[in-house]
Amino acid sequence: MTTLKAGDKAPDFSGLNEKDETISLNDFKGKKLVLYFYPKDMTPGCTTQSCNLRDNYDTLLKQGYEVLGVSADSTKRHIKFIEKYDLPFSLLADEDHTVLNAYGVWGLKKFMGKEYDGIHRTTFVIDENGIIIEVIGKVKTKEHAEQILG
């Protein structure tokens, strides 16, 4: 699990979004970034979380936030997810877990008595200078934007 905390420098990252464009932390310099990690496209909790951010996207933008989601899904799967739910922000495909590992969100999970490796739903709020200002580890999927906006 993550050992990153508020005040830490956000790990640099680079990866492909749904348009096969390379996105990096540096692209958000001078802007606040909501970097949210979620387990899987098209699953109930992840859909609820992403749609909550979609529904509050204008408010987040007005408060100076950009939004970027990250999962281990492929760019092709991200395209379907974005189109189906009309998501206005990019999703990073981290199939090799480079970004997931850098942020400490890939690890052992337990569900219904089974253990497996997976993504721990976590959001990092990063300031204009690349410093983490908040780590949200207990994400409320139906109220996620409210958690970010405080």
N, C-alpha and C. Protein backbone atom coordinates (compact mmCIF):
# COMPACT_ATOMS: atom_id res chain seq x y z
N MET A 1 0.83 -1.21 0.00
CA MET A 1 0.00 0.00 0.00
C MET A 1 0.86 1.25 0.00
N THR A 2 0.22 2.36 -0.24
CA THR A 2 0.93 3.63 -0.39
C THR A 2 1.62 4.08 0.90
N THR A 3 2.78 4.62 0.73
CA THR A 3 3.48 5.25 1.84
C THR A 3 3.57 6.75 1.56
N LEU A 4 3.07 7.16 0.40
CA LEU A 4 3.08 8.58 0.07
C LEU A 4 2.08 9.30 0.96
N LYS A 5 2.43 10.54 1.32
CA LYS A 5 1.55 11.32 2.18
C LYS A 5 1.59 12.78 1.76
N ALA A 6 0.68 13.55 2.34
CA ALA A 6 0.64 14.99 2.05
C ALA A 6 2.00 15.59 2.37
N GLY A 7 2.47 16.44 1.46
CA GLY A 7 3.77 17.09 1.61
C GLY A 7 4.86 16.43 0.78
N ASP A 8 4.63 15.17 0.35
CA ASP A 8 5.60 14.47 -0.49
C ASP A 8 5.53 14.99 -1.93
N LYS A 9 6.66 14.91 -2.62
CA LYS A 9 6.68 15.20 -4.04
C LYS A 9 5.98 14.05 -4.76
N ALA A 10 5.07 14.37 -5.66
CA ALA A 10 4.36 13.33 -6.41
C ALA A 10 5.34 12.64 -7.35
N PRO A 11 5.34 11.31 -7.37
CA PRO A 11 6.22 10.61 -8.31
C PRO A 11 5.89 10.99 -9.76
N ASP A 12 6.91 11.24 -10.54
CA ASP A 12 6.70 11.55 -11.95
C ASP A 12 6.13 10.31 -12.62
N PHE A 13 5.33 10.49 -13.62
CA PHE A 13 4.79 9.35 -14.36
C PHE A 13 4.61 9.75 -15.81
N SER A 14 4.48 8.74 -16.63
CA SER A 14 4.24 8.92 -18.05
C SER A 14 3.54 7.67 -18.54
N GLY A 15 2.50 7.85 -19.34
CA GLY A 15 1.77 6.71 -19.87
C GLY A 15 0.82 7.14 -20.96
N LEU A 16 0.18 6.16 -21.58
CA LEU A 16 -0.74 6.43 -22.67
C LEU A 16 -2.17 6.58 -22.17
N ASN A 17 -2.86 7.57 -22.73
CA ASN A 17 -4.27 7.71 -22.42
C ASN A 17 -5.10 6.99 -23.49
N GLU A 18 -6.41 7.18 -23.43
CA GLU A 18 -7.32 6.50 -24.35
C GLU A 18 -7.11 6.89 -25.82
N LYS A 19 -6.43 8.00 -26.05
CA LYS A 19 -6.16 8.45 -27.42
C LYS A 19 -4.76 8.08 -27.87
N ASP A 20 -4.10 7.21 -27.09
CA ASP A 20 -2.71 6.83 -27.34
C ASP A 20 -1.76 8.02 -27.31
N GLU A 21 -2.13 9.05 -26.54
CA GLU A 21 -1.26 10.20 -26.31
C GLU A 21 -0.48 9.96 -25.02
N THR A 22 0.76 10.37 -25.01
CA THR A 22 1.56 10.24 -23.79
C THR A 22 1.20 11.38 -22.84
N ILE A 23 0.81 11.00 -21.65
CA ILE A 23 0.45 11.95 -20.60
C ILE A 23 1.47 11.78 -19.47
N SER A 24 1.96 12.92 -18.94
CA SER A 24 2.90 12.83 -17.82
C SER A 24 2.50 13.84 -16.75
N LEU A 25 3.07 13.68 -15.56
CA LEU A 25 2.79 14.62 -14.48
C LEU A 25 3.15 16.04 -14.90
N ASN A 26 4.21 16.16 -15.67
CA ASN A 26 4.69 17.47 -16.12
C ASN A 26 3.64 18.24 -16.92
N ASP A 27 2.72 17.51 -17.58
CA ASP A 27 1.65 18.16 -18.35
C ASP A 27 0.73 19.00 -17.46
N PHE A 28 0.75 18.73 -16.16
CA PHE A 28 -0.16 19.41 -15.24
C PHE A 28 0.54 20.46 -14.39
N LYS A 29 1.78 20.77 -14.73
CA LYS A 29 2.54 21.79 -13.98
C LYS A 29 1.76 23.11 -14.03
N GLY A 30 1.62 23.74 -12.88
CA GLY A 30 0.87 24.98 -12.81
C GLY A 30 -0.62 24.78 -12.59
N LYS A 31 -1.05 23.51 -12.50
CA LYS A 31 -2.46 23.18 -12.27
C LYS A 31 -2.55 22.20 -11.12
N LYS A 32 -3.71 22.19 -10.47
CA LYS A 32 -3.96 21.18 -9.44
C LYS A 32 -4.50 19.93 -10.16
N LEU A 33 -4.08 18.77 -9.68
CA LEU A 33 -4.48 17.52 -10.34
C LEU A 33 -5.12 16.56 -9.35
N VAL A 34 -6.27 16.03 -9.75
CA VAL A 34 -6.90 14.93 -9.04
C VAL A 34 -6.48 13.68 -9.80
N LEU A 35 -5.58 12.90 -9.21
CA LEU A 35 -5.08 11.68 -9.82
C LEU A 35 -5.73 10.52 -9.09
N TYR A 36 -6.72 9.89 -9.74
CA TYR A 36 -7.44 8.83 -9.04
C TYR A 36 -7.16 7.46 -9.64
N PHE A 37 -6.87 6.54 -8.75
CA PHE A 37 -6.58 5.15 -9.12
C PHE A 37 -7.80 4.31 -8.78
N TYR A 38 -8.23 3.51 -9.74
CA TYR A 38 -9.42 2.69 -9.52
C TYR A 38 -9.18 1.30 -10.11
N PRO A 39 -9.85 0.28 -9.57
CA PRO A 39 -9.56 -1.10 -9.98
C PRO A 39 -9.85 -1.48 -11.43
N LYS A 40 -11.05 -1.15 -11.96
CA LYS A 40 -11.37 -1.68 -13.28
C LYS A 40 -12.53 -0.93 -13.94
N ASP A 41 -12.36 -0.64 -15.23
CA ASP A 41 -13.43 -0.03 -16.02
C ASP A 41 -14.67 -0.93 -16.01
N MET A 42 -15.83 -0.30 -16.06
CA MET A 42 -17.12 -0.97 -16.22
C MET A 42 -17.61 -1.74 -14.99
N THR A 43 -16.92 -1.66 -13.86
CA THR A 43 -17.39 -2.34 -12.66
C THR A 43 -18.24 -1.34 -11.86
N PRO A 44 -19.16 -1.83 -11.03
CA PRO A 44 -20.10 -0.93 -10.36
C PRO A 44 -19.46 0.21 -9.56
N GLY A 45 -18.53 -0.10 -8.67
CA GLY A 45 -17.91 0.94 -7.84
C GLY A 45 -17.11 1.93 -8.66
N CYS A 46 -16.36 1.42 -9.62
CA CYS A 46 -15.52 2.29 -10.45
C CYS A 46 -16.37 3.18 -11.36
N THR A 47 -17.48 2.64 -11.83
CA THR A 47 -18.39 3.43 -12.65
C THR A 47 -19.03 4.53 -11.81
N THR A 48 -19.46 4.18 -10.61
CA THR A 48 -20.07 5.17 -9.71
C THR A 48 -19.07 6.29 -9.40
N GLN A 49 -17.85 5.92 -9.08
CA GLN A 49 -16.81 6.90 -8.76
C GLN A 49 -16.53 7.82 -9.95
N SER A 50 -16.32 7.23 -11.13
CA SER A 50 -16.01 8.02 -12.32
C SER A 50 -17.17 8.92 -12.71
N CYS A 51 -18.40 8.43 -12.59
CA CYS A 51 -19.56 9.24 -12.94
C CYS A 51 -19.77 10.37 -11.92
N ASN A 52 -19.43 10.14 -10.66
CA ASN A 52 -19.50 11.21 -9.67
C ASN A 52 -18.52 12.33 -10.04
N LEU A 53 -17.31 11.95 -10.46
CA LEU A 53 -16.34 12.96 -10.89
C LEU A 53 -16.82 13.66 -12.16
N ARG A 54 -17.42 12.90 -13.08
CA ARG A 54 -17.99 13.48 -14.31
C ARG A 54 -19.07 14.51 -13.96
N ASP A 55 -19.97 14.14 -13.05
CA ASP A 55 -21.09 15.01 -12.70
C ASP A 55 -20.64 16.28 -11.99
N ASN A 56 -19.47 16.24 -11.37
CA ASN A 56 -18.94 17.40 -10.65
C ASN A 56 -17.73 18.01 -11.36
N TYR A 57 -17.51 17.60 -12.60
CA TYR A 57 -16.33 18.02 -13.35
C TYR A 57 -16.23 19.54 -13.50
N ASP A 58 -17.35 20.19 -13.84
CA ASP A 58 -17.32 21.64 -14.02
C ASP A 58 -16.93 22.35 -12.73
N THR A 59 -17.45 21.87 -11.60
CA THR A 59 -17.10 22.44 -10.30
C THR A 59 -15.62 22.24 -10.01
N LEU A 60 -15.11 21.04 -10.30
CA LEU A 60 -13.69 20.77 -10.09
C LEU A 60 -12.83 21.70 -10.95
N LEU A 61 -13.21 21.88 -12.21
CA LEU A 61 -12.47 22.77 -13.10
C LEU A 61 -12.49 24.21 -12.58
N LYS A 62 -13.66 24.65 -12.11
CA LYS A 62 -13.79 26.02 -11.59
C LYS A 62 -12.92 26.22 -10.36
N GLN A 63 -12.67 25.14 -9.61
CA GLN A 63 -11.81 25.21 -8.42
C GLN A 63 -10.33 25.02 -8.79
N GLY A 64 -10.06 24.88 -10.10
CA GLY A 64 -8.68 24.81 -10.57
C GLY A 64 -8.11 23.40 -10.68
N TYR A 65 -8.97 22.39 -10.61
CA TYR A 65 -8.50 20.99 -10.68
C TYR A 65 -8.62 20.42 -12.08
N GLU A 66 -7.62 19.65 -12.48
CA GLU A 66 -7.71 18.77 -13.64
C GLU A 66 -7.95 17.37 -13.07
N VAL A 67 -8.49 16.46 -13.86
CA VAL A 67 -8.80 15.10 -13.39
C VAL A 67 -8.16 14.09 -14.33
N LEU A 68 -7.51 13.08 -13.75
CA LEU A 68 -6.93 11.99 -14.53
C LEU A 68 -7.14 10.69 -13.77
N GLY A 69 -7.76 9.73 -14.43
CA GLY A 69 -7.96 8.41 -13.83
C GLY A 69 -6.89 7.44 -14.30
N VAL A 70 -6.56 6.47 -13.46
CA VAL A 70 -5.54 5.47 -13.80
C VAL A 70 -6.02 4.10 -13.36
N SER A 71 -5.93 3.14 -14.28
CA SER A 71 -6.16 1.73 -13.94
C SER A 71 -5.24 0.89 -14.83
N ALA A 72 -5.28 -0.41 -14.62
CA ALA A 72 -4.45 -1.31 -15.41
C ALA A 72 -5.14 -1.74 -16.70
N ASP A 73 -6.30 -1.16 -16.98
CA ASP A 73 -7.02 -1.50 -18.21
C ASP A 73 -6.30 -0.95 -19.45
N SER A 74 -6.62 -1.54 -20.59
CA SER A 74 -6.01 -1.12 -21.86
C SER A 74 -6.64 0.18 -22.36
N THR A 75 -5.96 0.83 -23.30
CA THR A 75 -6.51 2.04 -23.90
C THR A 75 -7.84 1.72 -24.60
N LYS A 76 -7.93 0.56 -25.21
CA LYS A 76 -9.16 0.16 -25.91
C LYS A 76 -10.34 0.06 -24.93
N ARG A 77 -10.08 -0.52 -23.76
CA ARG A 77 -11.14 -0.64 -22.75
C ARG A 77 -11.51 0.74 -22.19
N HIS A 78 -10.50 1.62 -22.04
CA HIS A 78 -10.77 2.98 -21.57
C HIS A 78 -11.68 3.72 -22.55
N ILE A 79 -11.46 3.54 -23.84
CA ILE A 79 -12.29 4.20 -24.85
C ILE A 79 -13.75 3.81 -24.65
N LYS A 80 -14.00 2.51 -24.47
CA LYS A 80 -15.39 2.03 -24.27
C LYS A 80 -15.99 2.62 -23.01
N PHE A 81 -15.21 2.68 -21.94
CA PHE A 81 -15.68 3.21 -20.66
C PHE A 81 -16.02 4.70 -20.79
N ILE A 82 -15.13 5.45 -21.41
CA ILE A 82 -15.34 6.89 -21.60
C ILE A 82 -16.57 7.15 -22.47
N GLU A 83 -16.71 6.39 -23.56
CA GLU A 83 -17.84 6.59 -24.46
C GLU A 83 -19.16 6.20 -23.82
N LYS A 84 -19.16 5.07 -23.11
CA LYS A 84 -20.41 4.59 -22.48
C LYS A 84 -20.92 5.56 -21.42
N TYR A 85 -20.00 6.16 -20.66
CA TYR A 85 -20.41 7.02 -19.54
C TYR A 85 -20.12 8.50 -19.77
N ASP A 86 -19.72 8.86 -20.99
CA ASP A 86 -19.50 10.25 -21.37
C ASP A 86 -18.56 10.97 -20.39
N LEU A 87 -17.43 10.33 -20.12
CA LEU A 87 -16.46 10.90 -19.19
C LEU A 87 -15.68 12.02 -19.89
N PRO A 88 -15.57 13.20 -19.27
CA PRO A 88 -14.92 14.35 -19.91
C PRO A 88 -13.42 14.45 -19.65
N PHE A 89 -12.84 13.48 -18.97
CA PHE A 89 -11.41 13.52 -18.63
C PHE A 89 -10.72 12.27 -19.15
N SER A 90 -9.40 12.32 -19.19
CA SER A 90 -8.61 11.20 -19.71
C SER A 90 -8.42 10.11 -18.67
N LEU A 91 -8.18 8.91 -19.19
CA LEU A 91 -7.85 7.75 -18.37
C LEU A 91 -6.52 7.20 -18.86
N LEU A 92 -5.61 6.97 -17.93
CA LEU A 92 -4.29 6.45 -18.24
C LEU A 92 -4.31 4.93 -18.18
N ALA A 93 -3.76 4.29 -19.20
CA ALA A 93 -3.65 2.82 -19.24
C ALA A 93 -2.30 2.43 -18.65
N ASP A 94 -2.32 1.77 -17.51
CA ASP A 94 -1.07 1.38 -16.84
C ASP A 94 -1.01 -0.14 -16.76
N GLU A 95 -0.97 -0.77 -17.92
CA GLU A 95 -1.01 -2.23 -17.99
C GLU A 95 0.20 -2.89 -17.35
N ASP A 96 1.34 -2.20 -17.34
CA ASP A 96 2.55 -2.80 -16.75
C ASP A 96 2.74 -2.38 -15.28
N HIS A 97 1.78 -1.63 -14.74
CA HIS A 97 1.74 -1.24 -13.31
C HIS A 97 2.86 -0.29 -12.89
N THR A 98 3.50 0.37 -13.82
CA THR A 98 4.58 1.29 -13.48
C THR A 98 4.08 2.44 -12.59
N VAL A 99 3.00 3.07 -12.99
CA VAL A 99 2.45 4.20 -12.24
C VAL A 99 1.81 3.69 -10.95
N LEU A 100 1.10 2.58 -11.04
CA LEU A 100 0.47 1.99 -9.85
C LEU A 100 1.50 1.69 -8.77
N ASN A 101 2.62 1.13 -9.17
CA ASN A 101 3.69 0.83 -8.21
C ASN A 101 4.34 2.10 -7.67
N ALA A 102 4.56 3.08 -8.54
CA ALA A 102 5.20 4.33 -8.11
C ALA A 102 4.37 5.04 -7.03
N TYR A 103 3.05 4.91 -7.14
CA TYR A 103 2.16 5.54 -6.17
C TYR A 103 1.76 4.60 -5.03
N GLY A 104 2.25 3.36 -5.08
CA GLY A 104 2.01 2.42 -3.99
C GLY A 104 0.58 1.93 -3.87
N VAL A 105 -0.15 1.89 -4.98
CA VAL A 105 -1.55 1.48 -4.91
C VAL A 105 -1.80 0.06 -5.43
N TRP A 106 -0.75 -0.61 -5.90
CA TRP A 106 -0.86 -1.99 -6.36
C TRP A 106 -0.39 -2.90 -5.22
N GLY A 107 -1.23 -3.87 -4.84
CA GLY A 107 -0.81 -4.76 -3.77
C GLY A 107 -1.86 -5.77 -3.41
N LEU A 108 -1.60 -6.49 -2.34
CA LEU A 108 -2.45 -7.57 -1.89
C LEU A 108 -3.80 -7.04 -1.43
N LYS A 109 -4.85 -7.69 -1.92
CA LYS A 109 -6.22 -7.35 -1.53
C LYS A 109 -6.92 -8.63 -1.08
N LYS A 110 -7.97 -8.46 -0.31
CA LYS A 110 -8.78 -9.60 0.13
C LYS A 110 -10.23 -9.31 -0.22
N PHE A 111 -10.90 -10.34 -0.77
CA PHE A 111 -12.31 -10.20 -1.09
C PHE A 111 -12.96 -11.57 -0.96
N MET A 112 -13.98 -11.66 -0.13
CA MET A 112 -14.72 -12.90 0.07
C MET A 112 -13.78 -14.08 0.38
N GLY A 113 -12.83 -13.84 1.26
CA GLY A 113 -11.93 -14.90 1.71
C GLY A 113 -10.78 -15.22 0.77
N LYS A 114 -10.73 -14.55 -0.36
CA LYS A 114 -9.64 -14.81 -1.32
C LYS A 114 -8.66 -13.65 -1.30
N GLU A 115 -7.38 -13.96 -1.49
CA GLU A 115 -6.35 -12.94 -1.58
C GLU A 115 -5.86 -12.86 -3.02
N TYR A 116 -5.61 -11.67 -3.48
CA TYR A 116 -5.12 -11.45 -4.84
C TYR A 116 -4.45 -10.08 -4.92
N ASP A 117 -3.63 -9.87 -5.94
CA ASP A 117 -3.03 -8.57 -6.18
C ASP A 117 -3.99 -7.71 -6.99
N GLY A 118 -4.08 -6.46 -6.61
CA GLY A 118 -4.98 -5.56 -7.32
C GLY A 118 -4.71 -4.12 -6.95
N ILE A 119 -5.56 -3.24 -7.47
CA ILE A 119 -5.43 -1.81 -7.25
C ILE A 119 -6.25 -1.40 -6.04
N HIS A 120 -5.61 -0.70 -5.13
CA HIS A 120 -6.31 -0.13 -3.98
C HIS A 120 -6.84 1.23 -4.41
N ARG A 121 -8.16 1.39 -4.34
CA ARG A 121 -8.80 2.64 -4.77
C ARG A 121 -8.26 3.80 -3.91
N THR A 122 -7.53 4.68 -4.55
CA THR A 122 -6.86 5.78 -3.84
C THR A 122 -6.82 7.00 -4.75
N THR A 123 -6.97 8.18 -4.16
CA THR A 123 -6.88 9.42 -4.92
C THR A 123 -5.81 10.32 -4.31
N PHE A 124 -5.01 10.90 -5.19
CA PHE A 124 -3.98 11.85 -4.78
C PHE A 124 -4.36 13.21 -5.35
N VAL A 125 -4.41 14.20 -4.47
CA VAL A 125 -4.63 15.58 -4.92
C VAL A 125 -3.26 16.24 -4.90
N ILE A 126 -2.85 16.71 -6.07
CA ILE A 126 -1.49 17.23 -6.28
C ILE A 126 -1.58 18.72 -6.62
N ASP A 127 -0.73 19.52 -5.98
CA ASP A 127 -0.79 20.97 -6.23
C ASP A 127 -0.06 21.36 -7.51
N GLU A 128 -0.04 22.66 -7.77
CA GLU A 128 0.53 23.21 -9.00
C GLU A 128 2.02 22.95 -9.13
N ASN A 129 2.69 22.64 -8.03
CA ASN A 129 4.14 22.41 -8.03
C ASN A 129 4.51 20.93 -7.93
N GLY A 130 3.52 20.06 -8.07
CA GLY A 130 3.80 18.62 -8.03
C GLY A 130 3.93 18.05 -6.63
N ILE A 131 3.39 18.75 -5.64
CA ILE A 131 3.42 18.27 -4.26
C ILE A 131 2.05 17.70 -3.91
N ILE A 132 2.04 16.54 -3.27
CA ILE A 132 0.79 15.92 -2.85
C ILE A 132 0.22 16.74 -1.70
N ILE A 133 -1.01 17.20 -1.85
CA ILE A 133 -1.63 17.96 -0.77
C ILE A 133 -2.66 17.13 0.00
N GLU A 134 -3.10 16.01 -0.61
CA GLU A 134 -4.03 15.13 0.10
C GLU A 134 -3.98 13.74 -0.52
N VAL A 135 -4.09 12.73 0.34
CA VAL A 135 -4.22 11.35 -0.10
C VAL A 135 -5.55 10.85 0.45
N ILE A 136 -6.44 10.43 -0.44
CA ILE A 136 -7.74 9.91 -0.01
C ILE A 136 -7.70 8.39 -0.20
N GLY A 137 -7.57 7.68 0.91
CA GLY A 137 -7.48 6.23 0.87
C GLY A 137 -8.81 5.53 1.06
N LYS A 138 -9.74 6.19 1.73
CA LYS A 138 -11.08 5.63 1.92
C LYS A 138 -12.05 6.40 1.03
N VAL A 139 -12.01 6.04 -0.25
CA VAL A 139 -12.82 6.74 -1.25
C VAL A 139 -14.28 6.35 -1.11
N LYS A 140 -15.14 7.36 -1.06
CA LYS A 140 -16.59 7.14 -1.08
C LYS A 140 -17.02 7.35 -2.53
N THR A 141 -17.31 6.25 -3.23
CA THR A 141 -17.54 6.34 -4.67
C THR A 141 -18.68 7.27 -5.05
N LYS A 142 -19.74 7.35 -4.23
CA LYS A 142 -20.89 8.19 -4.55
C LYS A 142 -20.68 9.64 -4.17
N GLU A 143 -19.65 9.94 -3.38
CA GLU A 143 -19.41 11.30 -2.89
C GLU A 143 -17.95 11.71 -3.08
N HIS A 144 -17.32 11.18 -4.11
CA HIS A 144 -15.89 11.40 -4.25
C HIS A 144 -15.51 12.86 -4.48
N ALA A 145 -16.25 13.54 -5.34
CA ALA A 145 -15.94 14.95 -5.61
C ALA A 145 -16.04 15.77 -4.32
N GLU A 146 -17.03 15.47 -3.49
CA GLU A 146 -17.20 16.17 -2.22
C GLU A 146 -16.01 15.95 -1.31
N GLN A 147 -15.45 14.72 -1.32
CA GLN A 147 -14.27 14.43 -0.53
C GLN A 147 -13.09 15.30 -1.00
N ILE A 148 -12.97 15.47 -2.29
CA ILE A 148 -11.86 16.26 -2.87
C ILE A 148 -12.03 17.73 -2.56
N LEU A 149 -13.25 18.23 -2.75
CA LEU A 149 -13.51 19.66 -2.59
C LEU A 149 -13.61 20.06 -1.13
N GLY A 150 -13.81 19.06 -0.24
CA GLY A 150 -13.84 19.32 1.19
C GLY A 150 -15.03 20.11 1.60
